[in-house]
Amino acid sequence: MTEFLIRNKDIPMMVESLGELFQEKGVMVKPVDLADRMSQKLNRQIKFHYASYLFSQLGFVTRISSGFKDRNSRYIIPDYELMEKMRR
C-alpha cells in the first residue's frame, strides 16, 4: 500500500468538495470528480489515487455501478453524518 503525505488543508478541502459535488451530482460522484474539484480549489494537481486514499482513510466508501454503460465505474457513497463530523 502506498503512503501519501497528507497536507493540512487537504482534508477540509476534500469534505467541502464532496459536499459541493453531492449537491451538484447527487450520488453520481466519482473519485476522479473529487480529485478534479480538489485540484481547482488547492491550485495543485490532485490525482484520483490520492483523493481515493484520503476519503477511504476517513471512512468513506465506494460502490461499483450496476449500470451497463458504466459498470466499471466506482461512485462515492454519500455519508452526511461523517461529513459533518469532519467539518468540526
N, C-alpha and C. Protein backbone atom coordinates (compact mmCIF):
# COMPACT_ATOMS: atom_id res chain seq x y z
N MET A 1 0.84 -1.18 0.00
CA MET A 1 0.00 0.00 0.00
C MET A 1 0.88 1.24 0.00
N THR A 2 0.56 2.17 -0.83
CA THR A 2 1.30 3.42 -0.93
C THR A 2 0.86 4.37 0.16
N GLU A 3 1.81 5.01 0.80
CA GLU A 3 1.51 6.03 1.80
C GLU A 3 1.63 7.39 1.12
N PHE A 4 0.69 8.26 1.44
CA PHE A 4 0.70 9.61 0.86
C PHE A 4 0.96 10.62 1.97
N LEU A 5 1.59 11.71 1.62
CA LEU A 5 1.79 12.81 2.54
C LEU A 5 0.54 13.68 2.50
N ILE A 6 -0.20 13.69 3.60
CA ILE A 6 -1.44 14.46 3.66
C ILE A 6 -1.12 15.85 4.21
N ARG A 7 -1.49 16.87 3.46
CA ARG A 7 -1.25 18.25 3.88
C ARG A 7 -2.42 18.75 4.72
N ASN A 8 -2.17 19.78 5.51
CA ASN A 8 -3.17 20.30 6.46
C ASN A 8 -4.51 20.66 5.83
N LYS A 9 -4.50 21.30 4.69
CA LYS A 9 -5.74 21.78 4.08
C LYS A 9 -6.46 20.71 3.25
N ASP A 10 -5.83 19.57 3.04
CA ASP A 10 -6.41 18.55 2.16
C ASP A 10 -7.72 17.98 2.68
N ILE A 11 -7.79 17.66 3.96
CA ILE A 11 -9.00 17.04 4.49
C ILE A 11 -10.18 18.00 4.51
N PRO A 12 -10.03 19.22 5.05
CA PRO A 12 -11.18 20.14 4.99
C PRO A 12 -11.61 20.45 3.55
N MET A 13 -10.64 20.54 2.63
CA MET A 13 -10.98 20.82 1.24
C MET A 13 -11.69 19.62 0.60
N MET A 14 -11.29 18.42 0.99
CA MET A 14 -11.95 17.23 0.46
C MET A 14 -13.41 17.19 0.92
N VAL A 15 -13.64 17.47 2.20
CA VAL A 15 -15.01 17.46 2.74
C VAL A 15 -15.86 18.53 2.06
N GLU A 16 -15.30 19.72 1.90
CA GLU A 16 -16.02 20.81 1.22
C GLU A 16 -16.33 20.43 -0.23
N SER A 17 -15.35 19.87 -0.90
CA SER A 17 -15.53 19.46 -2.30
C SER A 17 -16.58 18.36 -2.43
N LEU A 18 -16.54 17.38 -1.52
CA LEU A 18 -17.54 16.31 -1.55
C LEU A 18 -18.94 16.88 -1.37
N GLY A 19 -19.09 17.79 -0.41
CA GLY A 19 -20.41 18.40 -0.18
C GLY A 19 -20.93 19.09 -1.43
N GLU A 20 -20.08 19.86 -2.09
CA GLU A 20 -20.48 20.56 -3.32
C GLU A 20 -20.86 19.56 -4.41
N LEU A 21 -20.04 18.54 -4.58
CA LEU A 21 -20.29 17.56 -5.64
C LEU A 21 -21.57 16.77 -5.39
N PHE A 22 -21.84 16.41 -4.14
CA PHE A 22 -23.08 15.69 -3.83
C PHE A 22 -24.29 16.57 -4.12
N GLN A 23 -24.17 17.88 -3.87
CA GLN A 23 -25.28 18.79 -4.19
C GLN A 23 -25.47 18.90 -5.70
N GLU A 24 -24.38 18.94 -6.45
CA GLU A 24 -24.46 19.10 -7.90
C GLU A 24 -24.85 17.81 -8.62
N LYS A 25 -24.26 16.68 -8.21
CA LYS A 25 -24.41 15.44 -8.97
C LYS A 25 -25.21 14.36 -8.25
N GLY A 26 -25.63 14.61 -7.03
CA GLY A 26 -26.34 13.58 -6.28
C GLY A 26 -25.38 12.45 -5.91
N VAL A 27 -25.80 11.22 -6.16
CA VAL A 27 -24.99 10.07 -5.77
C VAL A 27 -24.03 9.62 -6.87
N MET A 28 -23.86 10.41 -7.90
CA MET A 28 -23.02 10.03 -9.04
C MET A 28 -21.64 10.69 -8.99
N VAL A 29 -21.03 10.76 -7.81
CA VAL A 29 -19.72 11.39 -7.65
C VAL A 29 -18.63 10.31 -7.71
N LYS A 30 -17.72 10.47 -8.65
CA LYS A 30 -16.61 9.54 -8.81
C LYS A 30 -15.36 10.12 -8.14
N PRO A 31 -14.42 9.27 -7.77
CA PRO A 31 -13.15 9.76 -7.22
C PRO A 31 -12.44 10.75 -8.15
N VAL A 32 -12.58 10.56 -9.45
CA VAL A 32 -11.97 11.49 -10.42
C VAL A 32 -12.61 12.87 -10.29
N ASP A 33 -13.93 12.93 -10.08
CA ASP A 33 -14.61 14.22 -9.90
C ASP A 33 -14.07 14.93 -8.66
N LEU A 34 -13.89 14.16 -7.59
CA LEU A 34 -13.37 14.73 -6.35
C LEU A 34 -11.96 15.26 -6.55
N ALA A 35 -11.12 14.50 -7.21
CA ALA A 35 -9.74 14.92 -7.45
C ALA A 35 -9.71 16.20 -8.29
N ASP A 36 -10.54 16.28 -9.31
CA ASP A 36 -10.60 17.49 -10.15
C ASP A 36 -11.02 18.70 -9.34
N ARG A 37 -12.05 18.54 -8.52
CA ARG A 37 -12.53 19.67 -7.70
C ARG A 37 -11.48 20.10 -6.69
N MET A 38 -10.83 19.14 -6.06
CA MET A 38 -9.78 19.48 -5.10
C MET A 38 -8.61 20.18 -5.78
N SER A 39 -8.28 19.75 -6.99
CA SER A 39 -7.19 20.40 -7.74
C SER A 39 -7.51 21.85 -8.01
N GLN A 40 -8.76 22.13 -8.38
CA GLN A 40 -9.18 23.52 -8.63
C GLN A 40 -9.06 24.36 -7.37
N LYS A 41 -9.51 23.81 -6.25
CA LYS A 41 -9.54 24.58 -5.02
C LYS A 41 -8.15 24.76 -4.38
N LEU A 42 -7.30 23.74 -4.49
CA LEU A 42 -5.99 23.80 -3.86
C LEU A 42 -4.91 24.35 -4.78
N ASN A 43 -5.25 24.58 -6.05
CA ASN A 43 -4.29 25.10 -7.03
C ASN A 43 -3.05 24.24 -7.15
N ARG A 44 -3.26 22.93 -7.09
CA ARG A 44 -2.20 21.97 -7.36
C ARG A 44 -2.85 20.69 -7.84
N GLN A 45 -2.07 19.88 -8.53
CA GLN A 45 -2.64 18.66 -9.10
C GLN A 45 -2.90 17.63 -8.00
N ILE A 46 -4.12 17.13 -7.98
CA ILE A 46 -4.51 16.04 -7.09
C ILE A 46 -4.89 14.87 -7.98
N LYS A 47 -4.22 13.77 -7.82
CA LYS A 47 -4.55 12.58 -8.61
C LYS A 47 -5.67 11.81 -7.92
N PHE A 48 -6.46 11.10 -8.71
CA PHE A 48 -7.60 10.43 -8.12
C PHE A 48 -7.18 9.33 -7.14
N HIS A 49 -5.97 8.80 -7.29
CA HIS A 49 -5.48 7.80 -6.32
C HIS A 49 -5.34 8.43 -4.94
N TYR A 50 -4.83 9.65 -4.91
CA TYR A 50 -4.66 10.36 -3.64
C TYR A 50 -6.03 10.69 -3.04
N ALA A 51 -6.94 11.19 -3.86
CA ALA A 51 -8.29 11.51 -3.38
C ALA A 51 -8.96 10.24 -2.83
N SER A 52 -8.80 9.13 -3.53
CA SER A 52 -9.36 7.86 -3.08
C SER A 52 -8.76 7.43 -1.75
N TYR A 53 -7.46 7.59 -1.62
CA TYR A 53 -6.78 7.26 -0.37
C TYR A 53 -7.33 8.10 0.78
N LEU A 54 -7.46 9.41 0.53
CA LEU A 54 -7.96 10.31 1.56
C LEU A 54 -9.34 9.92 2.05
N PHE A 55 -10.30 9.79 1.13
CA PHE A 55 -11.66 9.53 1.59
C PHE A 55 -11.82 8.14 2.17
N SER A 56 -11.03 7.18 1.70
CA SER A 56 -11.14 5.84 2.29
C SER A 56 -10.53 5.79 3.68
N GLN A 57 -9.45 6.53 3.91
CA GLN A 57 -8.84 6.58 5.24
C GLN A 57 -9.76 7.24 6.27
N LEU A 58 -10.63 8.12 5.80
CA LEU A 58 -11.54 8.81 6.70
C LEU A 58 -12.86 8.06 6.90
N GLY A 59 -13.06 6.98 6.17
CA GLY A 59 -14.25 6.16 6.39
C GLY A 59 -15.28 6.19 5.28
N PHE A 60 -15.05 6.96 4.24
CA PHE A 60 -15.98 6.97 3.11
C PHE A 60 -15.75 5.71 2.28
N VAL A 61 -16.80 5.22 1.66
CA VAL A 61 -16.70 4.02 0.84
C VAL A 61 -17.26 4.28 -0.55
N THR A 62 -16.94 3.37 -1.48
CA THR A 62 -17.44 3.48 -2.84
C THR A 62 -18.30 2.27 -3.16
N ARG A 63 -19.07 2.42 -4.22
CA ARG A 63 -19.84 1.29 -4.74
C ARG A 63 -19.56 1.21 -6.23
N ILE A 64 -19.67 0.01 -6.75
CA ILE A 64 -19.48 -0.20 -8.18
C ILE A 64 -20.83 -0.01 -8.85
N SER A 65 -20.84 0.68 -9.96
CA SER A 65 -22.07 0.93 -10.69
C SER A 65 -22.68 -0.37 -11.20
N SER A 66 -24.00 -0.42 -11.20
CA SER A 66 -24.68 -1.60 -11.73
C SER A 66 -25.20 -1.34 -13.14
N GLY A 67 -24.96 -0.13 -13.65
CA GLY A 67 -25.43 0.20 -15.00
C GLY A 67 -24.59 -0.45 -16.07
N PHE A 68 -25.17 -0.66 -17.22
CA PHE A 68 -24.47 -1.32 -18.32
C PHE A 68 -23.33 -0.47 -18.87
N LYS A 69 -23.60 0.81 -19.11
CA LYS A 69 -22.61 1.68 -19.74
C LYS A 69 -21.40 1.95 -18.85
N ASP A 70 -21.63 2.07 -17.56
CA ASP A 70 -20.53 2.43 -16.67
C ASP A 70 -20.32 1.39 -15.57
N ARG A 71 -20.43 0.13 -15.93
CA ARG A 71 -20.38 -0.93 -14.93
C ARG A 71 -19.03 -1.03 -14.23
N ASN A 72 -17.99 -0.45 -14.80
CA ASN A 72 -16.68 -0.48 -14.16
C ASN A 72 -16.40 0.79 -13.33
N SER A 73 -17.37 1.67 -13.25
CA SER A 73 -17.19 2.92 -12.53
C SER A 73 -17.48 2.74 -11.05
N ARG A 74 -16.73 3.45 -10.24
CA ARG A 74 -16.97 3.47 -8.80
C ARG A 74 -17.51 4.85 -8.43
N TYR A 75 -18.45 4.86 -7.51
CA TYR A 75 -19.05 6.09 -7.02
C TYR A 75 -18.89 6.17 -5.52
N ILE A 76 -18.66 7.38 -5.03
CA ILE A 76 -18.52 7.60 -3.59
C ILE A 76 -19.92 7.62 -2.98
N ILE A 77 -20.11 6.85 -1.92
CA ILE A 77 -21.41 6.81 -1.25
C ILE A 77 -21.49 8.00 -0.30
N PRO A 78 -22.53 8.82 -0.43
CA PRO A 78 -22.68 9.96 0.47
C PRO A 78 -22.86 9.50 1.93
N ASP A 79 -22.10 10.08 2.82
CA ASP A 79 -22.24 9.83 4.26
C ASP A 79 -22.23 11.20 4.93
N TYR A 80 -23.42 11.77 5.05
CA TYR A 80 -23.54 13.14 5.55
C TYR A 80 -23.16 13.26 7.02
N GLU A 81 -23.40 12.21 7.81
CA GLU A 81 -23.00 12.24 9.22
C GLU A 81 -21.48 12.31 9.34
N LEU A 82 -20.80 11.51 8.56
CA LEU A 82 -19.34 11.52 8.58
C LEU A 82 -18.81 12.87 8.09
N MET A 83 -19.43 13.43 7.08
CA MET A 83 -19.00 14.74 6.58
C MET A 83 -19.18 15.80 7.66
N GLU A 84 -20.26 15.74 8.40
CA GLU A 84 -20.50 16.72 9.47
C GLU A 84 -19.45 16.57 10.57
N LYS A 85 -19.10 15.34 10.91
CA LYS A 85 -18.05 15.12 11.92
C LYS A 85 -16.71 15.68 11.44
N MET A 86 -16.41 15.53 10.16
CA MET A 86 -15.14 16.01 9.62
C MET A 86 -15.08 17.53 9.59
N ARG A 87 -16.22 18.18 9.51
CA ARG A 87 -16.24 19.65 9.46
C ARG A 87 -15.95 20.27 10.81
N ARG A 88 -16.13 19.53 11.88
CA ARG A 88 -15.91 20.09 13.24
C ARG A 88 -14.48 20.13 13.62
